[in-house]
């Protein structure tokens, strides 16, 4: 799956010399904290689910594609 919204984020990060970005997302009343690490290859997405002890790590290639079935 291609996460196309990360491409403009990655470009903006490069313009200011940032290699890490964090933000929160909410979907179906579930909030997740996201850490996007672009200082390693493949890139890493770390999602921590608020109110739980659960988190997920995903690898993202330079085409902004992730494989959810690792």
N, C-alpha and C. Protein backbone atom coordinates (compact mmCIF):
# COMPACT_ATOMS: atom_id res chain seq x y z
N UNK A 1 0.85 -1.17 0.00
CA UNK A 1 0.00 0.00 0.00
C UNK A 1 0.90 1.24 0.00
N UNK A 2 0.58 2.18 -0.85
CA UNK A 2 1.35 3.42 -0.94
C UNK A 2 0.68 4.49 -0.07
N UNK A 3 1.48 5.06 0.84
CA UNK A 3 0.99 6.14 1.71
C UNK A 3 1.44 7.46 1.11
N UNK A 4 0.69 7.92 0.12
CA UNK A 4 1.11 9.05 -0.71
C UNK A 4 1.23 10.36 0.06
N UNK A 5 0.55 10.53 1.17
CA UNK A 5 0.64 11.78 1.93
C UNK A 5 2.00 11.96 2.60
N UNK A 6 2.78 10.90 2.70
CA UNK A 6 4.10 11.03 3.31
C UNK A 6 5.12 11.65 2.35
N UNK A 7 4.86 11.61 1.07
CA UNK A 7 5.80 12.21 0.12
C UNK A 7 5.94 13.71 0.32
N UNK A 8 4.83 14.50 0.35
CA UNK A 8 5.00 15.94 0.60
C UNK A 8 5.57 16.22 1.99
N UNK A 9 5.24 15.39 2.99
CA UNK A 9 5.81 15.55 4.32
C UNK A 9 7.32 15.34 4.26
N UNK A 10 7.76 14.30 3.57
CA UNK A 10 9.19 14.01 3.44
C UNK A 10 9.92 15.15 2.72
N UNK A 11 9.32 15.69 1.68
CA UNK A 11 9.92 16.82 0.95
C UNK A 11 10.05 18.03 1.87
N UNK A 12 9.01 18.34 2.61
CA UNK A 12 9.03 19.48 3.54
C UNK A 12 10.08 19.26 4.63
N UNK A 13 10.18 18.04 5.12
CA UNK A 13 11.18 17.74 6.15
C UNK A 13 12.58 17.96 5.61
N UNK A 14 12.83 17.52 4.39
CA UNK A 14 14.16 17.70 3.79
C UNK A 14 14.50 19.17 3.59
N UNK A 15 13.50 19.98 3.26
CA UNK A 15 13.75 21.40 3.02
C UNK A 15 14.24 22.11 4.27
N UNK A 16 13.84 21.64 5.44
CA UNK A 16 14.27 22.27 6.70
C UNK A 16 15.29 21.42 7.46
N UNK A 17 15.74 20.33 6.84
CA UNK A 17 16.77 19.51 7.44
C UNK A 17 16.31 18.60 8.56
N UNK A 18 15.03 18.28 8.61
CA UNK A 18 14.51 17.38 9.64
C UNK A 18 14.50 15.94 9.13
N UNK A 19 14.76 15.02 10.03
CA UNK A 19 14.75 13.60 9.68
C UNK A 19 13.74 12.80 10.48
N UNK A 20 13.09 13.45 11.46
CA UNK A 20 12.08 12.79 12.28
C UNK A 20 10.89 13.72 12.44
N UNK A 21 9.72 13.15 12.48
CA UNK A 21 8.50 13.94 12.63
C UNK A 21 7.52 13.14 13.48
N UNK A 22 6.82 13.82 14.38
CA UNK A 22 5.79 13.14 15.17
C UNK A 22 4.49 13.92 15.07
N UNK A 23 3.40 13.18 15.14
CA UNK A 23 2.07 13.79 15.08
C UNK A 23 1.06 12.77 15.58
N UNK A 24 -0.17 13.20 15.77
CA UNK A 24 -1.24 12.29 16.18
C UNK A 24 -2.27 12.18 15.06
N UNK A 25 -2.90 11.03 15.00
CA UNK A 25 -4.00 10.82 14.06
C UNK A 25 -5.16 10.22 14.84
N UNK A 26 -6.37 10.42 14.34
CA UNK A 26 -7.54 9.82 14.96
C UNK A 26 -8.41 9.23 13.86
N UNK A 27 -8.84 7.99 14.10
CA UNK A 27 -9.68 7.29 13.14
C UNK A 27 -10.65 6.42 13.92
N UNK A 28 -11.93 6.56 13.65
CA UNK A 28 -12.98 5.80 14.35
C UNK A 28 -12.82 5.90 15.87
N UNK A 29 -12.57 7.10 16.33
CA UNK A 29 -12.44 7.41 17.76
C UNK A 29 -11.25 6.72 18.42
N UNK A 30 -10.28 6.28 17.63
CA UNK A 30 -9.03 5.72 18.15
C UNK A 30 -7.92 6.70 17.80
N UNK A 31 -7.19 7.14 18.81
CA UNK A 31 -6.09 8.09 18.61
C UNK A 31 -4.77 7.34 18.66
N UNK A 32 -3.90 7.67 17.71
CA UNK A 32 -2.57 7.07 17.65
C UNK A 32 -1.53 8.17 17.55
N UNK A 33 -0.43 7.94 18.24
CA UNK A 33 0.73 8.81 18.13
C UNK A 33 1.65 8.19 17.09
N UNK A 34 2.09 9.01 16.15
CA UNK A 34 2.89 8.51 15.04
C UNK A 34 4.26 9.15 15.08
N UNK A 35 5.28 8.33 14.90
CA UNK A 35 6.64 8.80 14.76
C UNK A 35 7.13 8.33 13.40
N UNK A 36 7.52 9.28 12.55
CA UNK A 36 8.03 8.99 11.20
C UNK A 36 9.53 9.21 11.24
N UNK A 37 10.28 8.13 11.04
CA UNK A 37 11.74 8.20 11.07
C UNK A 37 12.28 8.08 9.65
N UNK A 38 12.81 9.17 9.14
CA UNK A 38 13.34 9.20 7.78
C UNK A 38 14.86 9.24 7.78
N UNK A 39 15.47 9.00 8.94
CA UNK A 39 16.93 9.02 9.01
C UNK A 39 17.54 7.63 8.85
N UNK A 40 16.69 6.62 8.60
CA UNK A 40 17.15 5.27 8.35
C UNK A 40 16.42 4.74 7.12
N UNK A 41 17.02 3.75 6.48
CA UNK A 41 16.36 3.11 5.34
C UNK A 41 16.24 1.63 5.61
N UNK A 42 15.10 1.04 5.41
CA UNK A 42 13.86 1.71 5.01
C UNK A 42 13.37 2.64 6.12
N UNK A 43 12.53 3.60 5.73
CA UNK A 43 11.94 4.51 6.71
C UNK A 43 11.11 3.68 7.71
N UNK A 44 10.87 4.25 8.89
CA UNK A 44 10.06 3.56 9.88
C UNK A 44 8.88 4.43 10.31
N UNK A 45 7.74 3.80 10.47
CA UNK A 45 6.56 4.42 11.07
C UNK A 45 6.28 3.66 12.35
N UNK A 46 6.20 4.38 13.45
CA UNK A 46 5.87 3.77 14.73
C UNK A 46 4.57 4.40 15.20
N UNK A 47 3.57 3.57 15.42
CA UNK A 47 2.25 4.03 15.83
C UNK A 47 1.93 3.49 17.21
N UNK A 48 1.72 4.36 18.18
CA UNK A 48 1.33 3.96 19.51
C UNK A 48 -0.13 4.31 19.74
N UNK A 49 -0.91 3.35 20.16
CA UNK A 49 -2.34 3.55 20.34
C UNK A 49 -2.59 4.11 21.73
N UNK A 50 -3.24 5.27 21.79
CA UNK A 50 -3.50 5.95 23.07
C UNK A 50 -4.39 5.09 23.95
N UNK A 51 -4.04 5.04 25.24
CA UNK A 51 -4.85 4.33 26.21
C UNK A 51 -4.61 2.83 26.25
N UNK A 52 -3.64 2.35 25.48
CA UNK A 52 -3.30 0.93 25.48
C UNK A 52 -1.78 0.80 25.59
N UNK A 53 -1.32 -0.40 25.71
CA UNK A 53 0.12 -0.68 25.66
C UNK A 53 0.52 -1.22 24.29
N UNK A 54 -0.28 -0.92 23.28
CA UNK A 54 -0.05 -1.46 21.95
C UNK A 54 0.64 -0.45 21.05
N UNK A 55 1.55 -0.96 20.25
CA UNK A 55 2.17 -0.12 19.23
C UNK A 55 2.50 -1.00 18.03
N UNK A 56 2.69 -0.35 16.90
CA UNK A 56 3.00 -1.04 15.66
C UNK A 56 4.18 -0.35 15.00
N UNK A 57 5.05 -1.14 14.41
CA UNK A 57 6.15 -0.60 13.63
C UNK A 57 5.99 -1.09 12.20
N UNK A 58 6.11 -0.16 11.27
CA UNK A 58 6.02 -0.49 9.85
C UNK A 58 7.25 0.05 9.15
N UNK A 59 7.74 -0.69 8.18
CA UNK A 59 8.81 -0.21 7.33
C UNK A 59 8.20 0.39 6.08
N UNK A 60 8.76 1.50 5.63
CA UNK A 60 8.28 2.19 4.44
C UNK A 60 9.47 2.39 3.49
N UNK A 61 9.32 1.98 2.25
CA UNK A 61 10.41 2.17 1.31
C UNK A 61 10.41 3.60 0.76
N UNK A 62 11.36 3.90 -0.10
CA UNK A 62 11.50 5.26 -0.62
C UNK A 62 10.38 5.65 -1.58
N UNK A 63 9.55 4.69 -1.98
CA UNK A 63 8.37 5.00 -2.78
C UNK A 63 7.14 5.18 -1.90
N UNK A 64 7.37 5.23 -0.56
CA UNK A 64 6.32 5.45 0.44
C UNK A 64 5.31 4.32 0.46
N UNK A 65 5.81 3.10 0.23
CA UNK A 65 4.98 1.91 0.27
C UNK A 65 5.27 1.12 1.54
N UNK A 66 4.22 0.61 2.16
CA UNK A 66 4.35 -0.25 3.34
C UNK A 66 3.69 -1.58 3.03
N UNK A 67 4.18 -2.61 3.70
CA UNK A 67 3.59 -3.92 3.59
C UNK A 67 2.98 -4.26 4.94
N UNK A 68 1.68 -4.32 5.02
CA UNK A 68 0.98 -4.59 6.27
C UNK A 68 1.02 -6.07 6.64
N UNK A 69 1.48 -6.91 5.74
CA UNK A 69 1.47 -8.35 5.98
C UNK A 69 2.89 -8.88 6.05
N UNK A 70 3.71 -8.26 6.90
CA UNK A 70 5.12 -8.64 7.04
C UNK A 70 5.27 -10.00 7.68
